[in-house]
Amino acid sequence: MFQSAFSDLDLARKNSPPTSTTIPARCKILNLPWQADDVPNSSGARIHWIGDRSAKKVIFYIHGGGYGLSAFDGHVIFLAQCQEKLAAKGDGVVIAMLEYSLTKMVKYPTEFIQGVEAFRYILANGYKPGNIVIGGDSCGGNLAIAIMSIIAHPRPTFRPLSLSGPLAGVLLVSPWVSFSSDAQSFKDNKTKDIHMAPQMHEWARDFCTETERDNYTEPILANVGWWKGLQAKQILVLSGTYEIFLTDIRKFAQTLKEAGLNVTYVDCEMQVHIDCILDAQSGLEPGDMSHATWEWLERVY
């Protein structure tokens, strides 16, 4: 079902309601508090606050969709499930979900600038790094990684951003770490996953040019030294064993481990790309990807 939905990317875009309406509509159904703030100096980004804004802990979450699709209902539902799991443990957490500009309308570095400025805005609202988890799925994971790279390795394209201490954690759900389709899992999982190599290449072309592929946009290109000293206490990297990105995600997680970072990597058996979001979207029983996320969040917080 999902593979056919993503086979025509222009049609997928047309059938994707805007993030600006999906999040508040789903929050209303779930009876969750919701507010949205414009992000200063971001050329149009917004933060959608889901839950109690007085909570001291926050998950800064960036949705996936190849930089070209809006957030799904499944994103909001899954994040609400994360809140519920933490609340049951006695931990209040607010979700700060990024609404960024989409490709076809903008290109790199717009999305990265929006991500950096949104994170700056969260910090300016008084949230301490040790109470923040930054995360995302697919291209949202790509942007979360990029924000950490920009903090560690400033470049003139982005306003400098520094942290007073390490983040509580970085959550990477099926992160998009490579724009190449040479990895073995593209062959092994081409009929199993929700999307295929041609769609991935089209997303990548829409996002950035060949000359803009570097350690920031395509994190698998960075060596071990690039990641040493990354300011995060814990990192969770998740991949489905049926997804085309599997080989590259495994390699990326291993590089982070070799850099001396506290990395938990989980192969989610017989699950596809962003399976936890799709389970939430479809009302299916949560699988390994969901449970691994919830268990990790409980340890982090």
C-alpha atoms as a PDB file:
ATOM      1  CA  MET A   1       0.000   0.000   0.000  1.00  0.00           C
ATOM      2  CA  PHE A   2       2.633   2.534   1.041  1.00  0.00           C
ATOM      3  CA  GLN A   3       4.992   1.631  -1.822  1.00  0.00           C
ATOM      4  CA  SER A   4       2.313   2.496  -4.385  1.00  0.00           C
ATOM      5  CA  ALA A   5       1.500   5.709  -2.490  1.00  0.00           C
ATOM      6  CA  PHE A   6       5.110   6.890  -2.846  1.00  0.00           C
ATOM      7  CA  SER A   7       5.674   5.688  -6.426  1.00  0.00           C
ATOM      8  CA  ASP A   8       4.410   8.957  -7.980  1.00  0.00           C
ATOM      9  CA  LEU A   9       6.045  11.734  -5.975  1.00  0.00           C
ATOM     10  CA  ASP A  10       4.095  14.590  -7.539  1.00  0.00           C
ATOM     11  CA  LEU A  11       0.847  12.790  -6.733  1.00  0.00           C
ATOM     12  CA  ALA A  12       2.095  12.077  -3.201  1.00  0.00           C
ATOM     13  CA  ARG A  13       2.737  15.796  -2.748  1.00  0.00           C
ATOM     14  CA  LYS A  14      -0.741  16.699  -3.979  1.00  0.00           C
ATOM     15  CA  ASN A  15      -2.334  14.173  -1.619  1.00  0.00           C
ATOM     16  CA  SER A  16      -0.301  15.345   1.384  1.00  0.00           C
ATOM     17  CA  PRO A  17      -2.221  17.888   3.513  1.00  0.00           C
ATOM     18  CA  PRO A  18       0.002  20.689   4.835  1.00  0.00           C
ATOM     19  CA  THR A  19       1.755  20.233   8.153  1.00  0.00           C
ATOM     20  CA  SER A  20       0.102  23.449   9.340  1.00  0.00           C
ATOM     21  CA  THR A  21      -3.333  21.783   9.255  1.00  0.00           C
ATOM     22  CA  THR A  22      -2.417  18.145   9.983  1.00  0.00           C
ATOM     23  CA  ILE A  23      -0.849  18.781  13.392  1.00  0.00           C
ATOM     24  CA  PRO A  24      -3.613  20.905  14.979  1.00  0.00           C
ATOM     25  CA  ALA A  25      -6.350  18.715  13.502  1.00  0.00           C
ATOM     26  CA  ARG A  26      -4.819  15.534  14.904  1.00  0.00           C
ATOM     27  CA  CYS A  27      -4.107  17.202  18.269  1.00  0.00           C
ATOM     28  CA  LYS A  28      -7.786  18.163  18.486  1.00  0.00           C
ATOM     29  CA  ILE A  29      -8.814  14.542  17.847  1.00  0.00           C
ATOM     30  CA  LEU A  30      -6.344  13.341  20.487  1.00  0.00           C
ATOM     31  CA  ASN A  31      -7.401  16.095  22.914  1.00  0.00           C
ATOM     32  CA  LEU A  32      -3.833  17.376  23.178  1.00  0.00           C
ATOM     33  CA  PRO A  33      -2.881  20.993  23.872  1.00  0.00           C
ATOM     34  CA  TRP A  34      -1.399  22.635  20.763  1.00  0.00           C
ATOM     35  CA  GLN A  35       0.210  25.969  20.008  1.00  0.00           C
ATOM     36  CA  ALA A  36       2.316  27.168  17.080  1.00  0.00           C
ATOM     37  CA  ASP A  37       5.049  29.803  17.055  1.00  0.00           C
ATOM     38  CA  ASP A  38       6.749  31.410  14.092  1.00  0.00           C
ATOM     39  CA  VAL A  39      10.511  30.885  14.282  1.00  0.00           C
ATOM     40  CA  PRO A  40      12.480  34.152  14.043  1.00  0.00           C
ATOM     41  CA  ASN A  41      15.099  34.518  11.267  1.00  0.00           C
ATOM     42  CA  SER A  42      13.954  31.295   9.584  1.00  0.00           C
ATOM     43  CA  SER A  43      12.139  32.354   6.399  1.00  0.00           C
ATOM     44  CA  GLY A  44       8.891  30.691   7.330  1.00  0.00           C
ATOM     45  CA  ALA A  45       9.544  27.849   9.785  1.00  0.00           C
ATOM     46  CA  ARG A  46       7.181  27.191  12.668  1.00  0.00           C
ATOM     47  CA  ILE A  47       7.355  25.196  15.888  1.00  0.00           C
ATOM     48  CA  HIS A  48       4.243  23.237  16.815  1.00  0.00           C
ATOM     49  CA  TRP A  49       4.115  22.684  20.571  1.00  0.00           C
ATOM     50  CA  ILE A  50       2.198  19.536  21.486  1.00  0.00           C
ATOM     51  CA  GLY A  51       1.380  18.995  25.150  1.00  0.00           C
ATOM     52  CA  ASP A  52       2.076  21.024  28.269  1.00  0.00           C
ATOM     53  CA  ARG A  53       4.558  23.810  27.490  1.00  0.00           C
ATOM     54  CA  SER A  54       5.396  24.146  31.183  1.00  0.00           C
ATOM     55  CA  ALA A  55       7.164  20.753  31.033  1.00  0.00           C
ATOM     56  CA  LYS A  56      10.904  21.095  31.561  1.00  0.00           C
ATOM     57  CA  LYS A  57      11.733  18.333  29.087  1.00  0.00           C
ATOM     58  CA  VAL A  58      11.247  18.619  25.345  1.00  0.00           C
ATOM     59  CA  ILE A  59      11.532  16.439  22.265  1.00  0.00           C
ATOM     60  CA  PHE A  60      12.480  18.584  19.270  1.00  0.00           C
ATOM     61  CA  TYR A  61      11.165  16.451  16.432  1.00  0.00           C
ATOM     62  CA  ILE A  62      11.611  16.801  12.677  1.00  0.00           C
ATOM     63  CA  HIS A  63       9.272  14.811  10.460  1.00  0.00           C
ATOM     64  CA  GLY A  64      10.357  12.857   7.405  1.00  0.00           C
ATOM     65  CA  GLY A  65       9.069  12.838   3.850  1.00  0.00           C
ATOM     66  CA  GLY A  66      12.127  13.295   1.655  1.00  0.00           C
ATOM     67  CA  TYR A  67      12.070  17.051   2.351  1.00  0.00           C
ATOM     68  CA  GLY A  68       9.119  17.135  -0.063  1.00  0.00           C
ATOM     69  CA  LEU A  69       6.140  15.803   1.925  1.00  0.00           C
ATOM     70  CA  SER A  70       4.321  17.278   4.901  1.00  0.00           C
ATOM     71  CA  ALA A  71       3.974  15.563   8.259  1.00  0.00           C
ATOM     72  CA  PHE A  72       1.541  12.636   8.467  1.00  0.00           C
ATOM     73  CA  ASP A  73      -1.098  11.972  11.112  1.00  0.00           C
ATOM     74  CA  GLY A  74       1.147   9.050  12.060  1.00  0.00           C
ATOM     75  CA  HIS A  75       3.891  11.429  13.150  1.00  0.00           C
ATOM     76  CA  VAL A  76       1.604  13.172  15.638  1.00  0.00           C
ATOM     77  CA  ILE A  77       0.078   9.916  16.861  1.00  0.00           C
ATOM     78  CA  PHE A  78       3.484   8.314  17.412  1.00  0.00           C
ATOM     79  CA  LEU A  79       4.814  11.345  19.277  1.00  0.00           C
ATOM     80  CA  ALA A  80       1.686  11.362  21.434  1.00  0.00           C
ATOM     81  CA  GLN A  81       2.383   7.704  22.237  1.00  0.00           C
ATOM     82  CA  CYS A  82       5.903   8.690  23.277  1.00  0.00           C
ATOM     83  CA  GLN A  83       4.436  11.323  25.599  1.00  0.00           C
ATOM     84  CA  GLU A  84       2.044   8.782  27.092  1.00  0.00           C
ATOM     85  CA  LYS A  85       4.854   6.300  27.802  1.00  0.00           C
ATOM     86  CA  LEU A  86       6.945   8.962  29.534  1.00  0.00           C
ATOM     87  CA  ALA A  87       3.957  10.320  31.473  1.00  0.00           C
ATOM     88  CA  ALA A  88       3.265   6.828  32.809  1.00  0.00           C
ATOM     89  CA  LYS A  89       6.819   6.880  34.172  1.00  0.00           C
ATOM     90  CA  GLY A  90       6.201  10.279  35.744  1.00  0.00           C
ATOM     91  CA  ASP A  91       8.107  12.327  33.172  1.00  0.00           C
ATOM     92  CA  GLY A  92       6.316  15.257  31.600  1.00  0.00           C
ATOM     93  CA  VAL A  93       7.595  16.167  28.148  1.00  0.00           C
ATOM     94  CA  VAL A  94       6.415  18.626  25.523  1.00  0.00           C
ATOM     95  CA  ILE A  95       6.870  17.976  21.804  1.00  0.00           C
ATOM     96  CA  ALA A  96       8.319  20.775  19.677  1.00  0.00           C
ATOM     97  CA  MET A  97       7.638  19.684  16.111  1.00  0.00           C
ATOM     98  CA  LEU A  98       9.250  21.558  13.252  1.00  0.00           C
ATOM     99  CA  GLU A  99       7.262  22.731  10.248  1.00  0.00           C
ATOM    100  CA  TYR A 100       9.845  23.459   7.553  1.00  0.00           C
ATOM    101  CA  SER A 101       9.572  24.545   3.925  1.00  0.00           C
ATOM    102  CA  LEU A 102       9.343  21.751   1.360  1.00  0.00           C
ATOM    103  CA  THR A 103      11.261  21.041  -1.817  1.00  0.00           C
ATOM    104  CA  LYS A 104       9.915  22.178  -5.161  1.00  0.00           C
ATOM    105  CA  MET A 105       9.366  25.476  -3.316  1.00  0.00           C
ATOM    106  CA  VAL A 106      12.814  25.733  -1.685  1.00  0.00           C
ATOM    107  CA  LYS A 107      16.165  23.947  -1.782  1.00  0.00           C
ATOM    108  CA  TYR A 108      19.142  23.479   0.496  1.00  0.00           C
ATOM    109  CA  PRO A 109      20.254  25.258   2.662  1.00  0.00           C
ATOM    110  CA  THR A 110      16.786  26.617   3.522  1.00  0.00           C
ATOM    111  CA  GLU A 111      15.661  23.567   5.512  1.00  0.00           C
ATOM    112  CA  PHE A 112      18.938  23.468   7.453  1.00  0.00           C
ATOM    113  CA  ILE A 113      18.720  27.163   8.299  1.00  0.00           C
ATOM    114  CA  GLN A 114      15.159  26.598   9.504  1.00  0.00           C
ATOM    115  CA  GLY A 115      16.229  23.651  11.647  1.00  0.00           C
ATOM    116  CA  VAL A 116      19.102  25.555  13.255  1.00  0.00           C
ATOM    117  CA  GLU A 117      16.952  28.610  13.957  1.00  0.00           C
ATOM    118  CA  ALA A 118      14.157  26.462  15.390  1.00  0.00           C
ATOM    119  CA  PHE A 119      16.617  24.806  17.748  1.00  0.00           C
ATOM    120  CA  ARG A 120      17.957  28.231  18.735  1.00  0.00           C
ATOM    121  CA  TYR A 121      14.373  29.300  19.466  1.00  0.00           C
ATOM    122  CA  ILE A 122      13.787  26.273  21.706  1.00  0.00           C
ATOM    123  CA  LEU A 123      16.933  27.065  23.673  1.00  0.00           C
ATOM    124  CA  ALA A 124      15.866  30.724  23.923  1.00  0.00           C
ATOM    125  CA  ASN A 125      12.599  29.535  25.488  1.00  0.00           C
ATOM    126  CA  GLY A 126      14.583  28.306  28.472  1.00  0.00           C
ATOM    127  CA  TYR A 127      14.957  24.592  27.757  1.00  0.00           C
ATOM    128  CA  LYS A 128      18.294  23.241  28.975  1.00  0.00           C
ATOM    129  CA  PRO A 129      20.346  20.997  26.675  1.00  0.00           C
ATOM    130  CA  GLY A 130      20.304  18.207  29.251  1.00  0.00           C
ATOM    131  CA  ASN A 131      16.497  18.119  29.007  1.00  0.00           C
ATOM    132  CA  ILE A 132      16.328  18.084  25.203  1.00  0.00           C
ATOM    133  CA  VAL A 133      16.115  15.154  22.808  1.00  0.00           C
ATOM    134  CA  ILE A 134      16.489  16.115  19.158  1.00  0.00           C
ATOM    135  CA  GLY A 135      15.249  13.598  16.650  1.00  0.00           C
ATOM    136  CA  GLY A 136      13.531  12.786  13.428  1.00  0.00           C
ATOM    137  CA  ASP A 137      12.649  10.116  10.921  1.00  0.00           C
ATOM    138  CA  SER A 138      14.123   9.714   7.425  1.00  0.00           C
ATOM    139  CA  CYS A 139      15.022  13.207   6.152  1.00  0.00           C
ATOM    140  CA  GLY A 140      14.057  14.496   9.595  1.00  0.00           C
ATOM    141  CA  GLY A 141      16.855  12.312  10.945  1.00  0.00           C
ATOM    142  CA  ASN A 142      19.119  13.763   8.256  1.00  0.00           C
ATOM    143  CA  LEU A 143      18.303  17.287   9.468  1.00  0.00           C
ATOM    144  CA  ALA A 144      18.731  16.357  13.143  1.00  0.00           C
ATOM    145  CA  ILE A 145      22.201  15.007  12.356  1.00  0.00           C
ATOM    146  CA  ALA A 146      22.965  18.137  10.323  1.00  0.00           C
ATOM    147  CA  ILE A 147      22.067  20.417  13.230  1.00  0.00           C
ATOM    148  CA  MET A 148      24.501  18.508  15.435  1.00  0.00           C
ATOM    149  CA  SER A 149      27.172  18.805  12.723  1.00  0.00           C
ATOM    150  CA  ILE A 150      26.584  22.542  12.380  1.00  0.00           C
ATOM    151  CA  ILE A 151      26.982  22.999  16.143  1.00  0.00           C
ATOM    152  CA  ALA A 152      30.207  20.984  16.136  1.00  0.00           C
ATOM    153  CA  HIS A 153      31.594  22.387  12.859  1.00  0.00           C
ATOM    154  CA  PRO A 154      30.305  25.934  12.249  1.00  0.00           C
ATOM    155  CA  ARG A 155      30.212  27.257   8.700  1.00  0.00           C
ATOM    156  CA  PRO A 156      29.345  30.741   7.368  1.00  0.00           C
ATOM    157  CA  THR A 157      26.066  29.574   5.794  1.00  0.00           C
ATOM    158  CA  PHE A 158      24.509  29.211   9.254  1.00  0.00           C
ATOM    159  CA  ARG A 159      24.459  31.536  12.252  1.00  0.00           C
ATOM    160  CA  PRO A 160      26.690  30.040  14.961  1.00  0.00           C
ATOM    161  CA  LEU A 161      24.860  27.966  17.562  1.00  0.00           C
ATOM    162  CA  SER A 162      26.440  26.654  20.736  1.00  0.00           C
ATOM    163  CA  LEU A 163      25.286  24.504  23.631  1.00  0.00           C
ATOM    164  CA  SER A 164      25.988  25.000  27.344  1.00  0.00           C
ATOM    165  CA  GLY A 165      26.204  21.220  27.751  1.00  0.00           C
ATOM    166  CA  PRO A 166      25.368  17.950  26.008  1.00  0.00           C
ATOM    167  CA  LEU A 167      21.855  17.112  24.884  1.00  0.00           C
ATOM    168  CA  ALA A 168      19.957  14.370  26.669  1.00  0.00           C
ATOM    169  CA  GLY A 169      19.862  12.445  23.432  1.00  0.00           C
ATOM    170  CA  VAL A 170      19.570  12.191  19.667  1.00  0.00           C
ATOM    171  CA  LEU A 171      16.796   9.980  18.231  1.00  0.00           C
ATOM    172  CA  LEU A 172      17.322   8.783  14.649  1.00  0.00           C
ATOM    173  CA  VAL A 173      14.470   6.772  13.130  1.00  0.00           C
ATOM    174  CA  SER A 174      15.468   5.280   9.758  1.00  0.00           C
ATOM    175  CA  PRO A 175      17.723   8.291   9.114  1.00  0.00           C
ATOM    176  CA  TRP A 176      18.517   9.263   5.525  1.00  0.00           C
ATOM    177  CA  VAL A 177      22.304   9.241   5.670  1.00  0.00           C
ATOM    178  CA  SER A 178      23.279   8.545   2.037  1.00  0.00           C
ATOM    179  CA  PHE A 179      22.031   9.663  -1.378  1.00  0.00           C
ATOM    180  CA  SER A 180      23.648   6.649  -3.089  1.00  0.00           C
ATOM    181  CA  SER A 181      21.809   3.438  -3.942  1.00  0.00           C
ATOM    182  CA  ASP A 182      24.914   1.240  -4.169  1.00  0.00           C
ATOM    183  CA  ALA A 183      24.452  -0.456  -0.789  1.00  0.00           C
ATOM    184  CA  GLN A 184      23.502  -4.133  -0.665  1.00  0.00           C
ATOM    185  CA  SER A 185      20.170  -3.470   1.071  1.00  0.00           C
ATOM    186  CA  PHE A 186      18.912  -1.596  -1.993  1.00  0.00           C
ATOM    187  CA  LYS A 187      19.114  -4.932  -3.804  1.00  0.00           C
ATOM    188  CA  ASP A 188      17.951  -7.139  -0.942  1.00  0.00           C
ATOM    189  CA  ASN A 189      14.949  -5.018   0.043  1.00  0.00           C
ATOM    190  CA  LYS A 190      13.819  -3.441  -3.216  1.00  0.00           C
ATOM    191  CA  THR A 191      10.519  -5.330  -3.133  1.00  0.00           C
ATOM    192  CA  LYS A 192      10.055  -5.157   0.643  1.00  0.00           C
ATOM    193  CA  ASP A 193      10.393  -1.492   1.553  1.00  0.00           C
ATOM    194  CA  ILE A 194       7.876   1.342   1.143  1.00  0.00           C
ATOM    195  CA  HIS A 195      10.000   3.233  -1.369  1.00  0.00           C
ATOM    196  CA  MET A 196      12.627   2.451  -3.980  1.00  0.00           C
ATOM    197  CA  ALA A 197      15.884   3.828  -5.335  1.00  0.00           C
ATOM    198  CA  PRO A 198      14.375   5.982  -8.136  1.00  0.00           C
ATOM    199  CA  GLN A 199      12.185   7.872  -5.647  1.00  0.00           C
ATOM    200  CA  MET A 200      15.124   8.361  -3.288  1.00  0.00           C
ATOM    201  CA  HIS A 201      17.247   9.821  -6.085  1.00  0.00           C
ATOM    202  CA  GLU A 202      14.440  12.176  -7.085  1.00  0.00           C
ATOM    203  CA  TRP A 203      14.075  13.416  -3.489  1.00  0.00           C
ATOM    204  CA  ALA A 204      17.842  13.962  -3.314  1.00  0.00           C
ATOM    205  CA  ARG A 205      17.946  15.922  -6.594  1.00  0.00           C
ATOM    206  CA  ASP A 206      15.103  18.128  -5.405  1.00  0.00           C
ATOM    207  CA  PHE A 207      16.900  18.769  -2.123  1.00  0.00           C
ATOM    208  CA  CYS A 208      20.452  19.690  -3.149  1.00  0.00           C
ATOM    209  CA  THR A 209      22.918  19.689  -6.030  1.00  0.00           C
ATOM    210  CA  GLU A 210      25.764  17.233  -6.549  1.00  0.00           C
ATOM    211  CA  THR A 211      28.282  19.867  -5.399  1.00  0.00           C
ATOM    212  CA  GLU A 212      26.347  20.345  -2.154  1.00  0.00           C
ATOM    213  CA  ARG A 213      26.741  16.713  -1.114  1.00  0.00           C
ATOM    214  CA  ASP A 214      29.097  16.864   1.861  1.00  0.00           C
ATOM    215  CA  ASN A 215      29.412  15.904   5.529  1.00  0.00           C
ATOM    216  CA  TYR A 216      26.471  18.146   6.435  1.00  0.00           C
ATOM    217  CA  THR A 217      23.936  17.016   3.832  1.00  0.00           C
ATOM    218  CA  GLU A 218      25.092  13.393   3.473  1.00  0.00           C
ATOM    219  CA  PRO A 219      26.444  12.298   6.855  1.00  0.00           C
ATOM    220  CA  ILE A 220      27.719   8.905   5.743  1.00  0.00           C
ATOM    221  CA  LEU A 221      30.520  10.796   3.953  1.00  0.00           C
ATOM    222  CA  ALA A 222      31.965  12.040   7.253  1.00  0.00           C
ATOM    223  CA  ASN A 223      34.793  10.070   8.866  1.00  0.00           C
ATOM    224  CA  VAL A 224      35.097   9.035  12.502  1.00  0.00           C
ATOM    225  CA  GLY A 225      36.946  12.198  13.480  1.00  0.00           C
ATOM    226  CA  TRP A 226      34.053  14.400  12.385  1.00  0.00           C
ATOM    227  CA  TRP A 227      31.792  12.908  15.063  1.00  0.00           C
ATOM    228  CA  LYS A 228      34.185  12.868  18.007  1.00  0.00           C
ATOM    229  CA  GLY A 229      32.959  14.995  20.889  1.00  0.00           C
ATOM    230  CA  LEU A 230      29.405  15.322  19.546  1.00  0.00           C
ATOM    231  CA  GLN A 231      27.371  16.949  22.327  1.00  0.00           C
ATOM    232  CA  ALA A 232      24.854  14.227  23.144  1.00  0.00           C
ATOM    233  CA  LYS A 233      24.749  11.902  26.134  1.00  0.00           C
ATOM    234  CA  GLN A 234      22.975   9.120  24.242  1.00  0.00           C
ATOM    235  CA  ILE A 235      22.110   8.375  20.615  1.00  0.00           C
ATOM    236  CA  LEU A 236      19.526   5.886  19.330  1.00  0.00           C
ATOM    237  CA  VAL A 237      19.720   4.718  15.716  1.00  0.00           C
ATOM    238  CA  LEU A 238      16.902   2.557  14.363  1.00  0.00           C
ATOM    239  CA  SER A 239      16.582   0.699  11.083  1.00  0.00           C
ATOM    240  CA  GLY A 240      14.128  -1.848   9.741  1.00  0.00           C
ATOM    241  CA  THR A 241      15.671  -5.013   8.347  1.00  0.00           C
ATOM    242  CA  TYR A 242      13.357  -4.679   5.321  1.00  0.00           C
ATOM    243  CA  GLU A 243      14.376  -1.134   4.406  1.00  0.00           C
ATOM    244  CA  ILE A 244      16.593  -0.088   1.529  1.00  0.00           C
ATOM    245  CA  PHE A 245      18.659   2.191   3.801  1.00  0.00           C
ATOM    246  CA  LEU A 246      19.581  -0.686   6.146  1.00  0.00           C
ATOM    247  CA  THR A 247      23.233  -1.145   5.072  1.00  0.00           C
ATOM    248  CA  ASP A 248      23.994   2.577   5.141  1.00  0.00           C
ATOM    249  CA  ILE A 249      22.304   3.143   8.502  1.00  0.00           C
ATOM    250  CA  ARG A 250      24.250   0.253  10.039  1.00  0.00           C
ATOM    251  CA  LYS A 251      27.488   1.713   8.682  1.00  0.00           C
ATOM    252  CA  PHE A 252      26.655   5.177   9.996  1.00  0.00           C
ATOM    253  CA  ALA A 253      25.805   3.854  13.461  1.00  0.00           C
ATOM    254  CA  GLN A 254      29.110   1.973  13.549  1.00  0.00           C
ATOM    255  CA  THR A 255      30.996   5.150  12.635  1.00  0.00           C
ATOM    256  CA  LEU A 256      29.351   6.977  15.547  1.00  0.00           C
ATOM    257  CA  LYS A 257      30.341   4.143  17.879  1.00  0.00           C
ATOM    258  CA  GLU A 258      33.938   4.281  16.649  1.00  0.00           C
ATOM    259  CA  ALA A 259      33.914   7.997  17.435  1.00  0.00           C
ATOM    260  CA  GLY A 260      33.412   7.073  21.088  1.00  0.00           C
ATOM    261  CA  LEU A 261      29.766   8.116  21.325  1.00  0.00           C
ATOM    262  CA  ASN A 262      27.155   6.346  23.443  1.00  0.00           C
ATOM    263  CA  VAL A 263      25.174   4.757  20.628  1.00  0.00           C
ATOM    264  CA  THR A 264      22.374   2.211  20.790  1.00  0.00           C
ATOM    265  CA  TYR A 265      21.692   0.652  17.403  1.00  0.00           C
ATOM    266  CA  VAL A 266      18.643  -1.560  16.836  1.00  0.00           C
ATOM    267  CA  ASP A 267      17.814  -3.719  13.819  1.00  0.00           C
ATOM    268  CA  CYS A 268      14.016  -3.850  13.830  1.00  0.00           C
ATOM    269  CA  GLU A 269      13.175  -7.278  12.464  1.00  0.00           C
ATOM    270  CA  MET A 270      10.933  -7.473   9.388  1.00  0.00           C
ATOM    271  CA  GLN A 271      10.139  -3.770   9.601  1.00  0.00           C
ATOM    272  CA  VAL A 272      10.318  -1.221   6.813  1.00  0.00           C
ATOM    273  CA  HIS A 273      11.395   2.405   6.614  1.00  0.00           C
ATOM    274  CA  ILE A 274       9.863   4.545   9.420  1.00  0.00           C
ATOM    275  CA  ASP A 275       7.744   1.569  10.467  1.00  0.00           C
ATOM    276  CA  CYS A 276       6.818   3.108  13.843  1.00  0.00           C
ATOM    277  CA  ILE A 277       5.241   6.089  12.064  1.00  0.00           C
ATOM    278  CA  LEU A 278       3.399   3.819   9.630  1.00  0.00           C
ATOM    279  CA  ASP A 279       2.090   1.639  12.477  1.00  0.00           C
ATOM    280  CA  ALA A 280       0.687   4.741  14.145  1.00  0.00           C
ATOM    281  CA  GLN A 281      -0.730   5.995  10.844  1.00  0.00           C
ATOM    282  CA  SER A 282      -2.495   2.694  10.143  1.00  0.00           C
ATOM    283  CA  GLY A 283      -3.590   1.856  13.673  1.00  0.00           C
ATOM    284  CA  LEU A 284      -1.479  -1.299  13.706  1.00  0.00           C
ATOM    285  CA  GLU A 285       0.008  -2.928  16.790  1.00  0.00           C
ATOM    286  CA  PRO A 286       3.315  -1.193  17.593  1.00  0.00           C
ATOM    287  CA  GLY A 287       6.390  -3.165  16.555  1.00  0.00           C
ATOM    288  CA  ASP A 288      10.073  -3.280  17.457  1.00  0.00           C
ATOM    289  CA  MET A 289      10.789   0.233  16.227  1.00  0.00           C
ATOM    290  CA  SER A 290       8.152   1.767  18.492  1.00  0.00           C
ATOM    291  CA  HIS A 291       9.120  -0.246  21.552  1.00  0.00           C
ATOM    292  CA  ALA A 292      12.839   0.430  21.079  1.00  0.00           C
ATOM    293  CA  THR A 293      12.104   4.169  20.946  1.00  0.00           C
ATOM    294  CA  TRP A 294       9.978   4.117  24.083  1.00  0.00           C
ATOM    295  CA  GLU A 295      12.474   2.056  26.065  1.00  0.00           C
ATOM    296  CA  TRP A 296      15.315   4.366  25.049  1.00  0.00           C
ATOM    297  CA  LEU A 297      13.351   7.538  25.927  1.00  0.00           C
ATOM    298  CA  GLU A 298      12.603   6.132  29.367  1.00  0.00           C
ATOM    299  CA  ARG A 299      16.334   5.588  29.936  1.00  0.00           C
ATOM    300  CA  VAL A 300      17.252   9.048  28.609  1.00  0.00           C
ATOM    301  CA  TYR A 301      14.723  10.902  30.742  1.00  0.00           C
END
